[in-house]
Amino acid sequence: MAPLDVLARAAALGAASGGRSTAGITAVTLTSRPGDPWPARYLGGTTAKVSAAFSALAEAVVDKLPGVPSRTAAAGLAPRVVFGATAGAIATRRNGSTDPLVVGGAAALAGAASVAAAFAGTKARAIAAKRFGADLPGALAEDALVGVLAWWGSRR
């Protein structure tokens, strides 16, 4: 895979994690196989796939509840950066890159994309809430965008 494509996919996984912290790593888990290179092989089993899917579903439901803390506060941002960077690095490694600079660059880019997407998502949802009079339409639109980004970033 071309380095630019690798980095673009890592950024997509990071951006997905900025919207839903578990989205990027869940997408990588669901598309990994036991025969993949380390560490993706550990995500390829049934237990990992079920756990990741459950976590993503729970986060998607909880995010719609009132009183959820801000994703841009340190407690909300830290997991997004960690999960986004991890997803970007694992997908890059799984897709054949063994160069530590490429894998590290993909992780850094994914982490940065998660921060940017967290702030952009918060702003976009506020605009949607003002426009539609409720947060739910913006939240559902964000879920759709996060799904597309996670799918594209985790493709093989």
N, C-alpha and C. Protein backbone atom coordinates (compact mmCIF):
# COMPACT_ATOMS: atom_id res chain seq x y z
N MET A 1 0.85 -1.17 0.00
CA MET A 1 0.00 0.00 0.00
C MET A 1 0.89 1.24 0.00
N ALA A 2 0.56 2.22 -0.78
CA ALA A 2 1.35 3.45 -0.89
C ALA A 2 1.34 4.21 0.43
N PRO A 3 2.47 4.85 0.78
CA PRO A 3 2.55 5.56 2.07
C PRO A 3 1.45 6.60 2.26
N LEU A 4 1.09 7.32 1.21
CA LEU A 4 0.04 8.32 1.35
C LEU A 4 -1.30 7.68 1.68
N ASP A 5 -1.58 6.54 1.06
CA ASP A 5 -2.82 5.81 1.33
C ASP A 5 -2.82 5.31 2.77
N VAL A 6 -1.68 4.80 3.23
CA VAL A 6 -1.54 4.32 4.61
C VAL A 6 -1.86 5.45 5.59
N LEU A 7 -1.29 6.61 5.35
CA LEU A 7 -1.50 7.75 6.24
C LEU A 7 -2.94 8.27 6.17
N ALA A 8 -3.52 8.28 4.99
CA ALA A 8 -4.91 8.72 4.86
C ALA A 8 -5.85 7.79 5.61
N ARG A 9 -5.60 6.50 5.53
CA ARG A 9 -6.44 5.54 6.25
C ARG A 9 -6.26 5.68 7.76
N ALA A 10 -5.03 5.90 8.19
CA ALA A 10 -4.78 6.11 9.62
C ALA A 10 -5.50 7.36 10.10
N ALA A 11 -5.46 8.42 9.31
CA ALA A 11 -6.17 9.65 9.67
C ALA A 11 -7.68 9.41 9.75
N ALA A 12 -8.21 8.61 8.85
CA ALA A 12 -9.65 8.29 8.88
C ALA A 12 -10.00 7.53 10.15
N LEU A 13 -9.16 6.57 10.54
CA LEU A 13 -9.40 5.83 11.78
C LEU A 13 -9.32 6.76 12.99
N GLY A 14 -8.36 7.67 12.97
CA GLY A 14 -8.25 8.63 14.06
C GLY A 14 -9.45 9.55 14.11
N ALA A 15 -9.90 10.03 12.97
CA ALA A 15 -11.08 10.91 12.93
C ALA A 15 -12.32 10.16 13.42
N ALA A 16 -12.44 8.91 13.04
CA ALA A 16 -13.56 8.10 13.53
C ALA A 16 -13.51 8.00 15.06
N SER A 17 -12.32 7.83 15.59
CA SER A 17 -12.15 7.74 17.05
C SER A 17 -12.42 9.08 17.72
N GLY A 18 -12.21 10.17 17.02
CA GLY A 18 -12.55 11.48 17.56
C GLY A 18 -14.05 11.64 17.74
N GLY A 19 -14.82 11.00 16.87
CA GLY A 19 -16.28 11.05 16.97
C GLY A 19 -16.83 10.06 17.97
N ARG A 20 -16.34 8.86 17.93
CA ARG A 20 -16.70 7.79 18.88
C ARG A 20 -15.39 7.11 19.25
N SER A 21 -15.00 7.19 20.49
CA SER A 21 -13.65 6.76 20.88
C SER A 21 -13.32 5.33 20.47
N THR A 22 -14.30 4.44 20.48
CA THR A 22 -14.04 3.04 20.16
C THR A 22 -14.19 2.71 18.68
N ALA A 23 -14.62 3.66 17.86
CA ALA A 23 -14.95 3.36 16.46
C ALA A 23 -13.76 2.85 15.66
N GLY A 24 -12.62 3.52 15.74
CA GLY A 24 -11.46 3.12 14.95
C GLY A 24 -10.94 1.74 15.33
N ILE A 25 -10.75 1.53 16.61
CA ILE A 25 -10.21 0.24 17.05
C ILE A 25 -11.22 -0.89 16.83
N THR A 26 -12.51 -0.57 16.93
CA THR A 26 -13.53 -1.59 16.65
C THR A 26 -13.50 -1.98 15.17
N ALA A 27 -13.37 -1.01 14.30
CA ALA A 27 -13.32 -1.31 12.86
C ALA A 27 -12.09 -2.16 12.53
N VAL A 28 -10.95 -1.83 13.12
CA VAL A 28 -9.74 -2.63 12.88
C VAL A 28 -9.93 -4.04 13.43
N THR A 29 -10.54 -4.15 14.60
CA THR A 29 -10.78 -5.46 15.20
C THR A 29 -11.69 -6.30 14.32
N LEU A 30 -12.79 -5.71 13.85
CA LEU A 30 -13.75 -6.46 13.05
C LEU A 30 -13.20 -6.88 11.69
N THR A 31 -12.16 -6.21 11.21
CA THR A 31 -11.58 -6.57 9.91
C THR A 31 -10.26 -7.34 10.04
N SER A 32 -9.85 -7.62 11.27
CA SER A 32 -8.61 -8.38 11.47
C SER A 32 -8.90 -9.88 11.49
N ARG A 33 -7.85 -10.64 11.21
CA ARG A 33 -7.95 -12.11 11.15
C ARG A 33 -6.85 -12.72 12.00
N PRO A 34 -7.06 -13.93 12.49
CA PRO A 34 -6.03 -14.58 13.31
C PRO A 34 -4.68 -14.74 12.59
N GLY A 35 -4.65 -14.78 11.27
CA GLY A 35 -3.41 -14.94 10.53
C GLY A 35 -2.70 -13.63 10.21
N ASP A 36 -3.24 -12.52 10.65
CA ASP A 36 -2.63 -11.22 10.39
C ASP A 36 -1.33 -11.07 11.18
N PRO A 37 -0.47 -10.12 10.75
CA PRO A 37 0.76 -9.87 11.51
C PRO A 37 0.45 -9.31 12.89
N TRP A 38 1.42 -9.47 13.78
CA TRP A 38 1.28 -8.93 15.12
C TRP A 38 1.09 -7.43 15.04
N PRO A 39 0.29 -6.77 15.82
CA PRO A 39 -0.59 -7.27 16.88
C PRO A 39 -2.01 -7.54 16.41
N ALA A 40 -2.30 -7.32 15.13
CA ALA A 40 -3.67 -7.49 14.63
C ALA A 40 -4.18 -8.92 14.81
N ARG A 41 -3.29 -9.89 14.81
CA ARG A 41 -3.74 -11.29 14.94
C ARG A 41 -4.51 -11.50 16.24
N TYR A 42 -4.17 -10.73 17.28
CA TYR A 42 -4.86 -10.89 18.56
C TYR A 42 -6.26 -10.29 18.53
N LEU A 43 -6.51 -9.45 17.56
CA LEU A 43 -7.83 -8.85 17.42
C LEU A 43 -8.73 -9.68 16.52
N GLY A 44 -8.18 -10.69 15.86
CA GLY A 44 -8.93 -11.45 14.87
C GLY A 44 -9.84 -12.51 15.43
N GLY A 45 -9.76 -12.79 16.73
CA GLY A 45 -10.57 -13.85 17.33
C GLY A 45 -11.99 -13.39 17.65
N THR A 46 -12.84 -14.36 17.90
CA THR A 46 -14.25 -14.09 18.18
C THR A 46 -14.43 -13.27 19.45
N THR A 47 -13.70 -13.57 20.50
CA THR A 47 -13.85 -12.84 21.76
C THR A 47 -13.53 -11.36 21.57
N ALA A 48 -12.45 -11.06 20.88
CA ALA A 48 -12.09 -9.66 20.64
C ALA A 48 -13.15 -8.96 19.79
N LYS A 49 -13.64 -9.64 18.78
CA LYS A 49 -14.64 -9.04 17.90
C LYS A 49 -15.95 -8.74 18.65
N VAL A 50 -16.41 -9.68 19.46
CA VAL A 50 -17.64 -9.48 20.23
C VAL A 50 -17.46 -8.36 21.24
N SER A 51 -16.32 -8.36 21.92
CA SER A 51 -16.04 -7.31 22.92
C SER A 51 -15.99 -5.93 22.27
N ALA A 52 -15.33 -5.83 21.14
CA ALA A 52 -15.22 -4.54 20.45
C ALA A 52 -16.58 -4.07 19.96
N ALA A 53 -17.35 -4.96 19.38
CA ALA A 53 -18.67 -4.59 18.89
C ALA A 53 -19.58 -4.14 20.03
N PHE A 54 -19.53 -4.83 21.16
CA PHE A 54 -20.33 -4.45 22.31
C PHE A 54 -19.92 -3.07 22.83
N SER A 55 -18.63 -2.84 22.91
CA SER A 55 -18.13 -1.54 23.39
C SER A 55 -18.59 -0.41 22.48
N ALA A 56 -18.49 -0.62 21.18
CA ALA A 56 -18.90 0.42 20.22
C ALA A 56 -20.40 0.68 20.31
N LEU A 57 -21.18 -0.36 20.43
CA LEU A 57 -22.64 -0.20 20.54
C LEU A 57 -22.99 0.54 21.83
N ALA A 58 -22.38 0.15 22.93
CA ALA A 58 -22.64 0.82 24.21
C ALA A 58 -22.27 2.30 24.14
N GLU A 59 -21.13 2.61 23.53
CA GLU A 59 -20.73 4.01 23.41
C GLU A 59 -21.72 4.80 22.55
N ALA A 60 -22.18 4.21 21.46
CA ALA A 60 -23.12 4.90 20.58
C ALA A 60 -24.43 5.21 21.31
N VAL A 61 -24.87 4.31 22.17
CA VAL A 61 -26.11 4.54 22.93
C VAL A 61 -25.88 5.58 24.03
N VAL A 62 -24.82 5.42 24.79
CA VAL A 62 -24.54 6.33 25.92
C VAL A 62 -24.31 7.75 25.42
N ASP A 63 -23.72 7.90 24.25
CA ASP A 63 -23.44 9.24 23.71
C ASP A 63 -24.70 10.05 23.49
N LYS A 64 -25.82 9.38 23.30
CA LYS A 64 -27.07 10.09 23.04
C LYS A 64 -27.75 10.57 24.33
N LEU A 65 -27.28 10.11 25.47
CA LEU A 65 -27.90 10.47 26.75
C LEU A 65 -27.50 11.87 27.19
N PRO A 66 -28.44 12.56 27.86
CA PRO A 66 -28.07 13.89 28.38
C PRO A 66 -27.08 13.74 29.53
N GLY A 67 -26.26 14.73 29.70
CA GLY A 67 -25.32 14.72 30.81
C GLY A 67 -24.02 13.99 30.55
N VAL A 68 -23.79 13.56 29.32
CA VAL A 68 -22.53 12.91 28.98
C VAL A 68 -21.43 13.97 29.00
N PRO A 69 -20.31 13.70 29.66
CA PRO A 69 -19.23 14.70 29.73
C PRO A 69 -18.69 15.05 28.34
N SER A 70 -18.12 16.21 28.23
CA SER A 70 -17.59 16.70 26.96
C SER A 70 -16.44 15.83 26.46
N ARG A 71 -16.46 15.54 25.18
CA ARG A 71 -15.38 14.77 24.57
C ARG A 71 -14.11 15.59 24.43
N THR A 72 -14.23 16.91 24.56
CA THR A 72 -13.05 17.76 24.42
C THR A 72 -12.36 18.04 25.76
N ALA A 73 -12.94 17.58 26.86
CA ALA A 73 -12.26 17.66 28.16
C ALA A 73 -11.20 16.57 28.19
N ALA A 74 -10.22 16.71 29.05
CA ALA A 74 -9.10 15.76 29.10
C ALA A 74 -9.58 14.31 29.25
N ALA A 75 -10.57 14.09 30.12
CA ALA A 75 -11.06 12.72 30.35
C ALA A 75 -11.74 12.13 29.11
N GLY A 76 -12.32 12.95 28.27
CA GLY A 76 -12.95 12.47 27.05
C GLY A 76 -12.00 12.42 25.87
N LEU A 77 -11.02 13.28 25.88
CA LEU A 77 -10.08 13.38 24.75
C LEU A 77 -8.99 12.31 24.81
N ALA A 78 -8.51 12.01 26.00
CA ALA A 78 -7.40 11.05 26.14
C ALA A 78 -7.70 9.68 25.52
N PRO A 79 -8.85 9.06 25.83
CA PRO A 79 -9.11 7.76 25.20
C PRO A 79 -9.25 7.84 23.68
N ARG A 80 -9.76 8.95 23.19
CA ARG A 80 -9.90 9.11 21.74
C ARG A 80 -8.54 9.13 21.06
N VAL A 81 -7.60 9.84 21.68
CA VAL A 81 -6.25 9.91 21.12
C VAL A 81 -5.58 8.55 21.18
N VAL A 82 -5.67 7.89 22.33
CA VAL A 82 -5.03 6.58 22.50
C VAL A 82 -5.63 5.55 21.56
N PHE A 83 -6.97 5.46 21.52
CA PHE A 83 -7.62 4.48 20.65
C PHE A 83 -7.40 4.80 19.17
N GLY A 84 -7.44 6.08 18.83
CA GLY A 84 -7.21 6.47 17.44
C GLY A 84 -5.80 6.15 16.99
N ALA A 85 -4.81 6.51 17.81
CA ALA A 85 -3.42 6.23 17.47
C ALA A 85 -3.17 4.73 17.39
N THR A 86 -3.74 3.99 18.31
CA THR A 86 -3.57 2.53 18.32
C THR A 86 -4.19 1.91 17.07
N ALA A 87 -5.39 2.35 16.72
CA ALA A 87 -6.04 1.82 15.52
C ALA A 87 -5.23 2.14 14.27
N GLY A 88 -4.73 3.37 14.18
CA GLY A 88 -3.92 3.75 13.02
C GLY A 88 -2.65 2.92 12.91
N ALA A 89 -1.97 2.70 14.04
CA ALA A 89 -0.74 1.92 14.03
C ALA A 89 -1.00 0.46 13.69
N ILE A 90 -2.02 -0.13 14.30
CA ILE A 90 -2.31 -1.55 14.05
C ILE A 90 -2.73 -1.77 12.59
N ALA A 91 -3.59 -0.90 12.07
CA ALA A 91 -4.01 -1.06 10.68
C ALA A 91 -2.84 -0.89 9.72
N THR A 92 -1.96 0.04 10.01
CA THR A 92 -0.79 0.26 9.17
C THR A 92 0.11 -0.97 9.18
N ARG A 93 0.35 -1.50 10.35
CA ARG A 93 1.18 -2.70 10.48
C ARG A 93 0.50 -3.89 9.81
N ARG A 94 -0.79 -4.03 10.04
CA ARG A 94 -1.55 -5.15 9.46
C ARG A 94 -1.54 -5.11 7.94
N ASN A 95 -1.52 -3.90 7.38
CA ASN A 95 -1.56 -3.76 5.93
C ASN A 95 -0.19 -3.83 5.28
N GLY A 96 0.81 -4.24 6.04
CA GLY A 96 2.09 -4.57 5.45
C GLY A 96 3.25 -3.64 5.73
N SER A 97 3.05 -2.55 6.41
CA SER A 97 4.16 -1.64 6.67
C SER A 97 4.91 -2.09 7.92
N THR A 98 6.20 -2.32 7.76
CA THR A 98 7.03 -2.72 8.90
C THR A 98 8.01 -1.61 9.30
N ASP A 99 8.03 -0.53 8.55
CA ASP A 99 8.92 0.59 8.84
C ASP A 99 8.41 1.31 10.09
N PRO A 100 9.21 1.36 11.16
CA PRO A 100 8.75 2.02 12.39
C PRO A 100 8.40 3.49 12.20
N LEU A 101 9.06 4.16 11.27
CA LEU A 101 8.73 5.57 11.01
C LEU A 101 7.34 5.71 10.38
N VAL A 102 7.01 4.80 9.50
CA VAL A 102 5.68 4.85 8.87
C VAL A 102 4.61 4.50 9.89
N VAL A 103 4.85 3.44 10.65
CA VAL A 103 3.86 3.03 11.67
C VAL A 103 3.71 4.13 12.73
N GLY A 104 4.82 4.67 13.19
CA GLY A 104 4.78 5.76 14.16
C GLY A 104 4.13 7.01 13.61
N GLY A 105 4.43 7.33 12.36
CA GLY A 105 3.81 8.49 11.72
C GLY A 105 2.31 8.30 11.58
N ALA A 106 1.91 7.09 11.23
CA ALA A 106 0.47 6.79 11.11
C ALA A 106 -0.22 6.94 12.46
N ALA A 107 0.44 6.47 13.52
CA ALA A 107 -0.13 6.59 14.86
C ALA A 107 -0.25 8.06 15.27
N ALA A 108 0.80 8.84 15.02
CA ALA A 108 0.77 10.26 15.37
C ALA A 108 -0.30 11.00 14.58
N LEU A 109 -0.40 10.71 13.30
CA LEU A 109 -1.42 11.36 12.46
C LEU A 109 -2.82 10.97 12.93
N ALA A 110 -3.02 9.70 13.25
CA ALA A 110 -4.33 9.25 13.73
C ALA A 110 -4.69 9.92 15.05
N GLY A 111 -3.71 10.05 15.94
CA GLY A 111 -3.96 10.73 17.21
C GLY A 111 -4.34 12.18 17.01
N ALA A 112 -3.62 12.86 16.12
CA ALA A 112 -3.93 14.27 15.82
C ALA A 112 -5.32 14.39 15.17
N ALA A 113 -5.65 13.47 14.28
CA ALA A 113 -6.95 13.50 13.62
C ALA A 113 -8.08 13.28 14.63
N SER A 114 -7.82 12.47 15.64
CA SER A 114 -8.86 12.24 16.65
C SER A 114 -9.15 13.52 17.44
N VAL A 115 -8.11 14.28 17.73
CA VAL A 115 -8.30 15.56 18.44
C VAL A 115 -9.09 16.53 17.56
N ALA A 116 -8.68 16.67 16.31
CA ALA A 116 -9.37 17.58 15.39
C ALA A 116 -10.83 17.17 15.22
N ALA A 117 -11.08 15.89 15.06
CA ALA A 117 -12.45 15.41 14.85
C ALA A 117 -13.30 15.57 16.11
N ALA A 118 -12.70 15.42 17.28
CA ALA A 118 -13.46 15.60 18.52
C ALA A 118 -13.97 17.03 18.62
N PHE A 119 -13.11 18.00 18.33
CA PHE A 119 -13.52 19.41 18.39
C PHE A 119 -14.50 19.74 17.26
N ALA A 120 -14.22 19.26 16.06
CA ALA A 120 -15.11 19.52 14.92
C ALA A 120 -16.48 18.89 15.14
N GLY A 121 -16.50 17.69 15.68
CA GLY A 121 -17.77 17.01 15.95
C GLY A 121 -18.60 17.74 16.99
N THR A 122 -17.93 18.24 18.01
CA THR A 122 -18.65 19.01 19.04
C THR A 122 -19.28 20.25 18.43
N LYS A 123 -18.53 20.95 17.61
CA LYS A 123 -19.03 22.16 16.96
C LYS A 123 -20.17 21.83 15.99
N ALA A 124 -20.00 20.80 15.20
CA ALA A 124 -21.03 20.42 14.23
C ALA A 124 -22.32 19.99 14.93
N ARG A 125 -22.20 19.27 16.03
CA ARG A 125 -23.40 18.86 16.75
C ARG A 125 -24.11 20.06 17.38
N ALA A 126 -23.36 21.03 17.85
CA ALA A 126 -23.97 22.24 18.41
C ALA A 126 -24.74 23.00 17.33
N ILE A 127 -24.15 23.07 16.14
CA ILE A 127 -24.82 23.75 15.02
C ILE A 127 -26.09 22.98 14.64
N ALA A 128 -25.99 21.66 14.58
CA ALA A 128 -27.16 20.85 14.23
C ALA A 128 -28.25 20.97 15.29
N ALA A 129 -27.86 20.98 16.57
CA ALA A 129 -28.85 21.11 17.64
C ALA A 129 -29.58 22.45 17.56
N LYS A 130 -28.85 23.49 17.23
CA LYS A 130 -29.47 24.80 17.09
C LYS A 130 -30.42 24.81 15.89
N ARG A 131 -29.99 24.20 14.81
CA ARG A 131 -30.79 24.18 13.58
C ARG A 131 -32.05 23.34 13.72
N PHE A 132 -31.92 22.15 14.35
CA PHE A 132 -33.04 21.21 14.44
C PHE A 132 -33.78 21.25 15.77
N GLY A 133 -33.22 21.98 16.74
CA GLY A 133 -33.89 22.09 18.04
C GLY A 133 -33.64 20.90 18.95
N ALA A 134 -32.79 19.98 18.54
CA ALA A 134 -32.46 18.80 19.35
C ALA A 134 -31.08 18.29 18.93
N ASP A 135 -30.45 17.57 19.82
CA ASP A 135 -29.12 17.04 19.55
C ASP A 135 -29.14 15.75 18.72
N LEU A 136 -30.24 15.02 18.78
CA LEU A 136 -30.29 13.70 18.15
C LEU A 136 -29.98 13.70 16.65
N PRO A 137 -30.52 14.61 15.84
CA PRO A 137 -30.18 14.57 14.40
C PRO A 137 -28.67 14.71 14.14
N GLY A 138 -28.02 15.61 14.86
CA GLY A 138 -26.58 15.77 14.70
C GLY A 138 -25.82 14.55 15.16
N ALA A 139 -26.28 13.94 16.25
CA ALA A 139 -25.63 12.74 16.77
C ALA A 139 -25.74 11.59 15.78
N LEU A 140 -26.90 11.43 15.18
CA LEU A 140 -27.09 10.35 14.20
C LEU A 140 -26.28 10.59 12.94
N ALA A 141 -26.23 11.84 12.49
CA ALA A 141 -25.40 12.17 11.32
C ALA A 141 -23.93 11.91 11.63
N GLU A 142 -23.51 12.26 12.85
CA GLU A 142 -22.13 11.99 13.24
C GLU A 142 -21.85 10.49 13.26
N ASP A 143 -22.80 9.71 13.76
CA ASP A 143 -22.64 8.25 13.76
C ASP A 143 -22.42 7.73 12.34
N ALA A 144 -23.19 8.25 11.40
CA ALA A 144 -23.04 7.81 10.01
C ALA A 144 -21.67 8.16 9.46
N LEU A 145 -21.22 9.38 9.71
CA LEU A 145 -19.90 9.80 9.23
C LEU A 145 -18.79 8.98 9.89
N VAL A 146 -18.91 8.76 11.18
CA VAL A 146 -17.92 7.95 11.90
C VAL A 146 -17.87 6.54 11.30
N GLY A 147 -19.02 5.98 11.00
CA GLY A 147 -19.07 4.65 10.40
C GLY A 147 -18.36 4.58 9.06
N VAL A 148 -18.58 5.58 8.23
CA VAL A 148 -17.93 5.63 6.92
C VAL A 148 -16.41 5.77 7.07
N LEU A 149 -15.98 6.66 7.95
CA LEU A 149 -14.54 6.85 8.18
C LEU A 149 -13.89 5.58 8.71
N ALA A 150 -14.55 4.93 9.67
CA ALA A 150 -14.00 3.70 10.24
C ALA A 150 -13.94 2.59 9.20
N TRP A 151 -14.98 2.48 8.39
CA TRP A 151 -15.00 1.46 7.35
C TRP A 151 -13.88 1.70 6.34
N TRP A 152 -13.75 2.92 5.87
CA TRP A 152 -12.72 3.21 4.86
C TRP A 152 -11.33 3.03 5.44
N GLY A 153 -11.13 3.51 6.66
CA GLY A 153 -9.81 3.41 7.28
C GLY A 153 -9.38 1.99 7.57
N SER A 154 -10.33 1.11 7.81
CA SER A 154 -9.98 -0.26 8.19
C SER A 154 -10.02 -1.26 7.04
N ARG A 155 -10.38 -0.77 5.85
CA ARG A 155 -10.41 -1.68 4.68
C ARG A 155 -9.05 -2.31 4.47
N ARG A 156 -9.06 -3.47 3.91
CA ARG A 156 -7.83 -4.22 3.66
C ARG A 156 -7.36 -4.01 2.25
